[in-house]
Amino acid sequence: VQLVESGGALVQPGGSLRLSCAASGFTFSAYAMSWYRQAPGKERELVAIIYSTGGITVYADSVKGRFTISRDNAKNMVYLQMNSLKPEDTAMYYCNRYGPRASWGQGTQVTVSS
């Protein structure tokens, strides 16, 4: 199993980013997928979940209405569109399967700062 995140950057408050995650080594379409984040000195937290068909999504209260998770089962990709970014969104972002998690990838750094 391999998970490769990309798309992180330094962005100003109020800005937007789209994170991508390329998954391989398992039957992608059979699994719910999720995005997590970990800020310095804090525990990793669940940000969003998307179920296998993409029809059901769940968000942490802190990102609801600002972030959108999506997936492309044909490409084995999961995405996180992040709008109206805040300094408190600064963290390393990771994707993983939801439930039977795989080994963590290297993550992608999102920094929200003016």
C-alpha atoms as a PDB file:
ATOM      1  CA  VAL A   1       0.000   0.000   0.000  1.00  0.00           C
ATOM      2  CA  GLN A   2       1.285   3.438  -0.898  1.00  0.00           C
ATOM      3  CA  LEU A   3      -0.238   6.844  -0.234  1.00  0.00           C
ATOM      4  CA  VAL A   4       1.376   9.945  -1.709  1.00  0.00           C
ATOM      5  CA  GLU A   5       0.047  13.358  -0.741  1.00  0.00           C
ATOM      6  CA  SER A   6       0.758  16.566  -2.638  1.00  0.00           C
ATOM      7  CA  GLY A   7      -0.477  20.103  -3.099  1.00  0.00           C
ATOM      8  CA  GLY A   8       0.495  21.705   0.183  1.00  0.00           C
ATOM      9  CA  ALA A   9       1.888  25.233   0.182  1.00  0.00           C
ATOM     10  CA  LEU A  10       2.168  28.522   2.001  1.00  0.00           C
ATOM     11  CA  VAL A  11      -1.050  30.482   1.544  1.00  0.00           C
ATOM     12  CA  GLN A  12      -2.507  33.660   2.988  1.00  0.00           C
ATOM     13  CA  PRO A  13      -5.528  33.590   5.297  1.00  0.00           C
ATOM     14  CA  GLY A  14      -8.690  33.415   3.225  1.00  0.00           C
ATOM     15  CA  GLY A  15      -6.924  31.598   0.427  1.00  0.00           C
ATOM     16  CA  SER A  16      -7.560  28.191  -1.113  1.00  0.00           C
ATOM     17  CA  LEU A  17      -5.614  25.026  -1.775  1.00  0.00           C
ATOM     18  CA  ARG A  18      -6.391  21.665  -3.315  1.00  0.00           C
ATOM     19  CA  LEU A  19      -4.605  18.663  -1.865  1.00  0.00           C
ATOM     20  CA  SER A  20      -4.254  15.410  -3.791  1.00  0.00           C
ATOM     21  CA  CYS A  21      -3.555  11.868  -2.659  1.00  0.00           C
ATOM     22  CA  ALA A  22      -2.481   9.086  -5.001  1.00  0.00           C
ATOM     23  CA  ALA A  23      -3.245   5.631  -3.642  1.00  0.00           C
ATOM     24  CA  SER A  24      -1.916   2.285  -4.830  1.00  0.00           C
ATOM     25  CA  GLY A  25      -1.498  -1.288  -3.687  1.00  0.00           C
ATOM     26  CA  PHE A  26      -5.094  -1.985  -2.693  1.00  0.00           C
ATOM     27  CA  THR A  27      -8.587  -2.003  -4.177  1.00  0.00           C
ATOM     28  CA  PHE A  28      -9.159   1.722  -3.840  1.00  0.00           C
ATOM     29  CA  SER A  29     -12.839   1.725  -4.757  1.00  0.00           C
ATOM     30  CA  ALA A  30     -13.651  -0.696  -1.927  1.00  0.00           C
ATOM     31  CA  TYR A  31     -12.475   1.605   0.862  1.00  0.00           C
ATOM     32  CA  ALA A  32     -13.662   4.756   2.500  1.00  0.00           C
ATOM     33  CA  MET A  33     -10.864   7.322   2.419  1.00  0.00           C
ATOM     34  CA  SER A  34     -10.033  10.162   4.753  1.00  0.00           C
ATOM     35  CA  TRP A  35      -7.845  13.174   5.307  1.00  0.00           C
ATOM     36  CA  TYR A  36      -6.120  13.814   8.616  1.00  0.00           C
ATOM     37  CA  ARG A  37      -3.937  16.640   9.824  1.00  0.00           C
ATOM     38  CA  GLN A  38      -1.368  17.137  12.532  1.00  0.00           C
ATOM     39  CA  ALA A  39      -0.242  20.510  13.794  1.00  0.00           C
ATOM     40  CA  PRO A  40       3.032  20.915  15.714  1.00  0.00           C
ATOM     41  CA  GLY A  41       2.635  19.716  19.281  1.00  0.00           C
ATOM     42  CA  LYS A  42      -0.853  18.357  18.666  1.00  0.00           C
ATOM     43  CA  GLU A  43      -2.334  14.949  18.018  1.00  0.00           C
ATOM     44  CA  ARG A  44      -3.323  13.892  14.539  1.00  0.00           C
ATOM     45  CA  GLU A  45      -6.988  14.702  13.907  1.00  0.00           C
ATOM     46  CA  LEU A  46      -9.530  13.450  11.413  1.00  0.00           C
ATOM     47  CA  VAL A  47     -10.582  16.161   8.973  1.00  0.00           C
ATOM     48  CA  ALA A  48     -12.874  14.482   6.449  1.00  0.00           C
ATOM     49  CA  ILE A  49     -14.149  11.098   5.277  1.00  0.00           C
ATOM     50  CA  ILE A  50     -15.537  10.027   1.936  1.00  0.00           C
ATOM     51  CA  TYR A  51     -17.191   6.655   1.551  1.00  0.00           C
ATOM     52  CA  SER A  52     -16.415   4.294  -1.291  1.00  0.00           C
ATOM     53  CA  THR A  53     -18.968   5.517  -3.817  1.00  0.00           C
ATOM     54  CA  GLY A  54     -18.360   9.137  -2.942  1.00  0.00           C
ATOM     55  CA  GLY A  55     -21.974   9.748  -2.067  1.00  0.00           C
ATOM     56  CA  ILE A  56     -21.443  10.206   1.675  1.00  0.00           C
ATOM     57  CA  THR A  57     -18.975  12.630   3.219  1.00  0.00           C
ATOM     58  CA  VAL A  58     -18.315  13.588   6.817  1.00  0.00           C
ATOM     59  CA  TYR A  59     -16.373  16.588   8.106  1.00  0.00           C
ATOM     60  CA  ALA A  60     -14.877  17.757  11.352  1.00  0.00           C
ATOM     61  CA  ASP A  61     -16.778  20.722  12.753  1.00  0.00           C
ATOM     62  CA  SER A  62     -13.690  22.879  12.402  1.00  0.00           C
ATOM     63  CA  VAL A  63     -13.667  22.564   8.595  1.00  0.00           C
ATOM     64  CA  LYS A  64     -17.342  22.076   7.786  1.00  0.00           C
ATOM     65  CA  GLY A  65     -18.485  24.462   5.076  1.00  0.00           C
ATOM     66  CA  ARG A  66     -14.910  25.306   4.054  1.00  0.00           C
ATOM     67  CA  PHE A  67     -13.362  21.984   2.993  1.00  0.00           C
ATOM     68  CA  THR A  68     -14.650  19.499   0.428  1.00  0.00           C
ATOM     69  CA  ILE A  69     -13.400  15.935   0.075  1.00  0.00           C
ATOM     70  CA  SER A  70     -13.812  14.116  -3.229  1.00  0.00           C
ATOM     71  CA  ARG A  71     -12.481  11.044  -4.971  1.00  0.00           C
ATOM     72  CA  ASP A  72     -11.914   9.618  -8.428  1.00  0.00           C
ATOM     73  CA  ASN A  73     -12.108   5.835  -8.266  1.00  0.00           C
ATOM     74  CA  ALA A  74     -10.926   5.488 -11.871  1.00  0.00           C
ATOM     75  CA  LYS A  75      -7.675   7.263 -11.002  1.00  0.00           C
ATOM     76  CA  ASN A  76      -7.263   6.010  -7.415  1.00  0.00           C
ATOM     77  CA  MET A  77      -7.170   9.589  -6.207  1.00  0.00           C
ATOM     78  CA  VAL A  78      -8.682  11.449  -3.287  1.00  0.00           C
ATOM     79  CA  TYR A  79      -8.742  15.233  -3.022  1.00  0.00           C
ATOM     80  CA  LEU A  80      -9.296  17.898  -0.388  1.00  0.00           C
ATOM     81  CA  GLN A  81     -10.422  21.312  -1.585  1.00  0.00           C
ATOM     82  CA  MET A  82      -9.741  23.823   1.156  1.00  0.00           C
ATOM     83  CA  ASN A  83     -11.296  27.276   0.981  1.00  0.00           C
ATOM     84  CA  SER A  84     -11.356  30.219   3.394  1.00  0.00           C
ATOM     85  CA  LEU A  85      -8.188  28.950   5.009  1.00  0.00           C
ATOM     86  CA  LYS A  86      -7.341  30.093   8.527  1.00  0.00           C
ATOM     87  CA  PRO A  87      -4.029  30.147  10.404  1.00  0.00           C
ATOM     88  CA  GLU A  88      -5.347  27.318  12.583  1.00  0.00           C
ATOM     89  CA  ASP A  89      -5.512  25.105   9.483  1.00  0.00           C
ATOM     90  CA  THR A  90      -1.714  25.080   9.446  1.00  0.00           C
ATOM     91  CA  ALA A  91      -0.615  21.450   9.723  1.00  0.00           C
ATOM     92  CA  MET A  92       0.816  18.462   7.925  1.00  0.00           C
ATOM     93  CA  TYR A  93      -1.988  16.817   5.998  1.00  0.00           C
ATOM     94  CA  TYR A  94      -2.223  13.080   5.389  1.00  0.00           C
ATOM     95  CA  CYS A  95      -4.629  10.819   3.559  1.00  0.00           C
ATOM     96  CA  ASN A  96      -5.398   7.272   4.564  1.00  0.00           C
ATOM     97  CA  ARG A  97      -8.028   4.621   4.378  1.00  0.00           C
ATOM     98  CA  TYR A  98     -10.803   5.144   6.891  1.00  0.00           C
ATOM     99  CA  GLY A  99     -11.133   2.165   9.202  1.00  0.00           C
ATOM    100  CA  PRO A 100      -8.350  -0.291   8.411  1.00  0.00           C
ATOM    101  CA  ARG A 101      -5.653   2.345   8.066  1.00  0.00           C
ATOM    102  CA  ALA A 102      -2.530   1.709   6.030  1.00  0.00           C
ATOM    103  CA  SER A 103       0.954   2.996   6.800  1.00  0.00           C
ATOM    104  CA  TRP A 104       1.122   6.769   6.728  1.00  0.00           C
ATOM    105  CA  GLY A 105       2.586   8.589   3.766  1.00  0.00           C
ATOM    106  CA  GLN A 106       4.944  11.525   4.018  1.00  0.00           C
ATOM    107  CA  GLY A 107       2.140  14.071   4.174  1.00  0.00           C
ATOM    108  CA  THR A 108       1.973  17.509   2.606  1.00  0.00           C
ATOM    109  CA  GLN A 109       2.562  20.736   4.547  1.00  0.00           C
ATOM    110  CA  VAL A 110      -0.083  23.455   4.588  1.00  0.00           C
ATOM    111  CA  THR A 111       0.912  26.755   6.129  1.00  0.00           C
ATOM    112  CA  VAL A 112      -1.614  29.572   6.419  1.00  0.00           C
ATOM    113  CA  SER A 113       0.085  32.832   7.247  1.00  0.00           C
ATOM    114  CA  SER A 114       0.263  36.424   6.119  1.00  0.00           C
END
